[in-house]
Amino acid sequence: MARGQRKSLDEKIEAKQEIIDALLTRIESEKAELAELLEAKRLKELESVSEMIEEYGLEPDEVAQALQQFLDSKQQEEASA
């Protein structure tokens, strides 16, 4: 039974390096797509918060103050627990 010509060690190394390079390119592409999806999610969440602020007729400083009060009270609860 005839077999194909065996690859030299250098050819095997080169083939593996090409596979690794292709995978690294793919990883970078997937990372970029993930970053885009995360940014889209963040913008959607911010839009939802913005709509809520507008719906209640609040000013940004009022929202910031309310959040700060909430965080302060939460921090006090955690400190006393």
N, C-alpha and C. Protein backbone atom coordinates (compact mmCIF):
# COMPACT_ATOMS: atom_id res chain seq x y z
N MET A 1 0.84 -1.18 0.00
CA MET A 1 0.00 0.00 0.00
C MET A 1 0.89 1.25 0.00
N ALA A 2 0.72 2.08 -0.98
CA ALA A 2 1.55 3.27 -1.12
C ALA A 2 1.01 4.38 -0.24
N ARG A 3 1.89 5.04 0.39
CA ARG A 3 1.52 6.19 1.22
C ARG A 3 2.03 7.46 0.55
N GLY A 4 1.41 8.59 0.92
CA GLY A 4 1.88 9.86 0.39
C GLY A 4 3.25 10.18 0.95
N GLN A 5 3.90 11.10 0.32
CA GLN A 5 5.23 11.48 0.78
C GLN A 5 5.12 12.10 2.17
N ARG A 6 6.00 11.71 3.03
CA ARG A 6 6.00 12.24 4.39
C ARG A 6 6.49 13.69 4.39
N LYS A 7 5.88 14.48 5.27
CA LYS A 7 6.30 15.87 5.40
C LYS A 7 7.55 15.94 6.25
N SER A 8 8.40 16.86 5.89
CA SER A 8 9.60 17.07 6.70
C SER A 8 9.19 17.78 7.99
N LEU A 9 10.07 17.74 8.94
CA LEU A 9 9.83 18.40 10.21
C LEU A 9 9.59 19.90 10.01
N ASP A 10 10.36 20.52 9.14
CA ASP A 10 10.17 21.95 8.86
C ASP A 10 8.79 22.23 8.27
N GLU A 11 8.32 21.35 7.40
CA GLU A 11 6.99 21.53 6.80
C GLU A 11 5.90 21.38 7.85
N LYS A 12 6.09 20.44 8.77
CA LYS A 12 5.11 20.26 9.85
C LYS A 12 5.06 21.49 10.75
N ILE A 13 6.24 22.00 11.07
CA ILE A 13 6.31 23.21 11.91
C ILE A 13 5.64 24.37 11.21
N GLU A 14 5.91 24.54 9.94
CA GLU A 14 5.30 25.64 9.17
C GLU A 14 3.79 25.50 9.12
N ALA A 15 3.31 24.28 8.93
CA ALA A 15 1.86 24.05 8.87
C ALA A 15 1.21 24.40 10.21
N LYS A 16 1.84 23.99 11.31
CA LYS A 16 1.30 24.31 12.65
C LYS A 16 1.30 25.81 12.89
N GLN A 17 2.36 26.48 12.46
CA GLN A 17 2.44 27.93 12.64
C GLN A 17 1.35 28.63 11.84
N GLU A 18 1.06 28.15 10.66
CA GLU A 18 -0.02 28.72 9.85
C GLU A 18 -1.37 28.53 10.54
N ILE A 19 -1.57 27.37 11.13
CA ILE A 19 -2.82 27.12 11.86
C ILE A 19 -2.93 28.08 13.05
N ILE A 20 -1.86 28.21 13.78
CA ILE A 20 -1.86 29.11 14.95
C ILE A 20 -2.11 30.54 14.52
N ASP A 21 -1.47 30.99 13.45
CA ASP A 21 -1.67 32.35 12.95
C ASP A 21 -3.13 32.57 12.55
N ALA A 22 -3.72 31.58 11.89
CA ALA A 22 -5.12 31.70 11.48
C ALA A 22 -6.03 31.77 12.70
N LEU A 23 -5.72 30.96 13.71
CA LEU A 23 -6.53 30.98 14.92
C LEU A 23 -6.40 32.31 15.66
N LEU A 24 -5.20 32.86 15.70
CA LEU A 24 -5.01 34.16 16.35
C LEU A 24 -5.78 35.26 15.62
N THR A 25 -5.79 35.19 14.31
CA THR A 25 -6.57 36.15 13.52
C THR A 25 -8.05 36.00 13.85
N ARG A 26 -8.50 34.77 13.94
CA ARG A 26 -9.90 34.51 14.27
C ARG A 26 -10.25 35.03 15.66
N ILE A 27 -9.35 34.82 16.62
CA ILE A 27 -9.57 35.31 17.98
C ILE A 27 -9.70 36.82 17.99
N GLU A 28 -8.82 37.50 17.29
CA GLU A 28 -8.89 38.96 17.23
C GLU A 28 -10.21 39.42 16.62
N SER A 29 -10.65 38.74 15.59
CA SER A 29 -11.91 39.07 14.95
C SER A 29 -13.09 38.87 15.92
N GLU A 30 -13.05 37.77 16.64
CA GLU A 30 -14.11 37.48 17.60
C GLU A 30 -14.11 38.49 18.75
N LYS A 31 -12.91 38.89 19.19
CA LYS A 31 -12.80 39.90 20.25
C LYS A 31 -13.41 41.22 19.79
N ALA A 32 -13.14 41.60 18.55
CA ALA A 32 -13.69 42.85 18.01
C ALA A 32 -15.21 42.78 17.95
N GLU A 33 -15.73 41.64 17.52
CA GLU A 33 -17.18 41.47 17.44
C GLU A 33 -17.80 41.51 18.84
N LEU A 34 -17.14 40.88 19.80
CA LEU A 34 -17.62 40.91 21.18
C LEU A 34 -17.65 42.34 21.71
N ALA A 35 -16.60 43.10 21.44
CA ALA A 35 -16.55 44.49 21.89
C ALA A 35 -17.70 45.30 21.30
N GLU A 36 -18.01 45.06 20.02
CA GLU A 36 -19.13 45.76 19.39
C GLU A 36 -20.46 45.39 20.05
N LEU A 37 -20.63 44.12 20.35
CA LEU A 37 -21.87 43.67 21.00
C LEU A 37 -22.00 44.25 22.40
N LEU A 38 -20.90 44.28 23.15
CA LEU A 38 -20.93 44.85 24.49
C LEU A 38 -21.24 46.34 24.45
N GLU A 39 -20.69 47.03 23.47
CA GLU A 39 -20.97 48.46 23.32
C GLU A 39 -22.44 48.69 22.96
N ALA A 40 -22.97 47.86 22.08
CA ALA A 40 -24.39 47.98 21.71
C ALA A 40 -25.28 47.74 22.93
N LYS A 41 -24.91 46.76 23.75
CA LYS A 41 -25.69 46.48 24.97
C LYS A 41 -25.62 47.66 25.93
N ARG A 42 -24.41 48.22 26.09
CA ARG A 42 -24.24 49.36 26.99
C ARG A 42 -25.07 50.55 26.53
N LEU A 43 -25.06 50.81 25.24
CA LEU A 43 -25.85 51.93 24.71
C LEU A 43 -27.34 51.71 24.89
N LYS A 44 -27.79 50.47 24.72
CA LYS A 44 -29.20 50.15 24.92
C LYS A 44 -29.60 50.37 26.38
N GLU A 45 -28.74 49.95 27.30
CA GLU A 45 -29.01 50.15 28.72
C GLU A 45 -29.04 51.63 29.07
N LEU A 46 -28.08 52.39 28.53
CA LEU A 46 -28.05 53.84 28.79
C LEU A 46 -29.28 54.53 28.21
N GLU A 47 -29.71 54.07 27.05
CA GLU A 47 -30.90 54.64 26.44
C GLU A 47 -32.13 54.40 27.33
N SER A 48 -32.20 53.23 27.91
CA SER A 48 -33.31 52.89 28.80
C SER A 48 -33.30 53.80 30.04
N VAL A 49 -32.12 54.01 30.60
CA VAL A 49 -32.00 54.89 31.77
C VAL A 49 -32.34 56.32 31.38
N SER A 50 -31.88 56.74 30.23
CA SER A 50 -32.15 58.10 29.75
C SER A 50 -33.65 58.33 29.57
N GLU A 51 -34.32 57.33 29.00
CA GLU A 51 -35.77 57.44 28.82
C GLU A 51 -36.48 57.54 30.16
N MET A 52 -36.01 56.77 31.15
CA MET A 52 -36.62 56.82 32.47
C MET A 52 -36.43 58.20 33.11
N ILE A 53 -35.23 58.74 32.97
CA ILE A 53 -34.94 60.07 33.52
C ILE A 53 -35.85 61.12 32.87
N GLU A 54 -35.97 61.02 31.56
CA GLU A 54 -36.82 61.96 30.83
C GLU A 54 -38.28 61.79 31.21
N GLU A 55 -38.71 60.54 31.35
CA GLU A 55 -40.11 60.25 31.70
C GLU A 55 -40.50 60.87 33.03
N TYR A 56 -39.56 60.85 33.99
CA TYR A 56 -39.85 61.40 35.31
C TYR A 56 -39.48 62.87 35.41
N GLY A 57 -38.96 63.43 34.34
CA GLY A 57 -38.63 64.85 34.33
C GLY A 57 -37.50 65.23 35.27
N LEU A 58 -36.55 64.34 35.42
CA LEU A 58 -35.45 64.61 36.34
C LEU A 58 -34.28 65.26 35.61
N GLU A 59 -33.50 65.98 36.39
CA GLU A 59 -32.27 66.58 35.88
C GLU A 59 -31.11 65.62 36.19
N PRO A 60 -30.07 65.65 35.38
CA PRO A 60 -28.93 64.75 35.62
C PRO A 60 -28.34 64.86 37.03
N ASP A 61 -28.26 66.08 37.56
CA ASP A 61 -27.71 66.23 38.92
C ASP A 61 -28.61 65.61 39.97
N GLU A 62 -29.92 65.63 39.74
CA GLU A 62 -30.85 64.98 40.67
C GLU A 62 -30.64 63.46 40.67
N VAL A 63 -30.44 62.92 39.49
CA VAL A 63 -30.20 61.49 39.37
C VAL A 63 -28.88 61.11 40.03
N ALA A 64 -27.86 61.90 39.80
CA ALA A 64 -26.55 61.64 40.40
C ALA A 64 -26.64 61.70 41.92
N GLN A 65 -27.39 62.67 42.43
CA GLN A 65 -27.55 62.81 43.88
C GLN A 65 -28.31 61.60 44.45
N ALA A 66 -29.37 61.18 43.78
CA ALA A 66 -30.13 60.02 44.24
C ALA A 66 -29.29 58.75 44.23
N LEU A 67 -28.50 58.58 43.18
CA LEU A 67 -27.61 57.42 43.12
C LEU A 67 -26.56 57.46 44.23
N GLN A 68 -26.02 58.63 44.48
CA GLN A 68 -25.03 58.76 45.54
C GLN A 68 -25.62 58.43 46.89
N GLN A 69 -26.85 58.90 47.16
CA GLN A 69 -27.52 58.58 48.42
C GLN A 69 -27.74 57.08 48.54
N PHE A 70 -28.17 56.46 47.45
CA PHE A 70 -28.39 55.02 47.45
C PHE A 70 -27.09 54.28 47.76
N LEU A 71 -26.01 54.68 47.08
CA LEU A 71 -24.72 54.02 47.29
C LEU A 71 -24.20 54.23 48.71
N ASP A 72 -24.40 55.44 49.25
CA ASP A 72 -23.97 55.71 50.62
C ASP A 72 -24.72 54.83 51.61
N SER A 73 -26.04 54.71 51.44
CA SER A 73 -26.82 53.90 52.36
C SER A 73 -26.46 52.42 52.23
N LYS A 74 -26.22 51.98 51.02
CA LYS A 74 -25.82 50.59 50.80
C LYS A 74 -24.46 50.31 51.45
N GLN A 75 -23.55 51.26 51.33
CA GLN A 75 -22.23 51.10 51.91
C GLN A 75 -22.33 51.05 53.43
N GLN A 76 -23.22 51.86 54.03
CA GLN A 76 -23.42 51.84 55.47
C GLN A 76 -24.00 50.51 55.92
N GLU A 77 -24.94 49.96 55.14
CA GLU A 77 -25.53 48.67 55.46
C GLU A 77 -24.47 47.57 55.46
N GLU A 78 -23.59 47.61 54.46
CA GLU A 78 -22.53 46.59 54.36
C GLU A 78 -21.52 46.74 55.48
N ALA A 79 -21.24 47.96 55.89
CA ALA A 79 -20.28 48.20 56.96
C ALA A 79 -20.82 47.73 58.30
N SER A 80 -22.13 47.83 58.49
CA SER A 80 -22.72 47.44 59.77
C SER A 80 -23.06 45.95 59.81
N ALA A 81 -22.96 45.26 58.69
CA ALA A 81 -23.30 43.83 58.65
C ALA A 81 -22.17 42.95 59.10
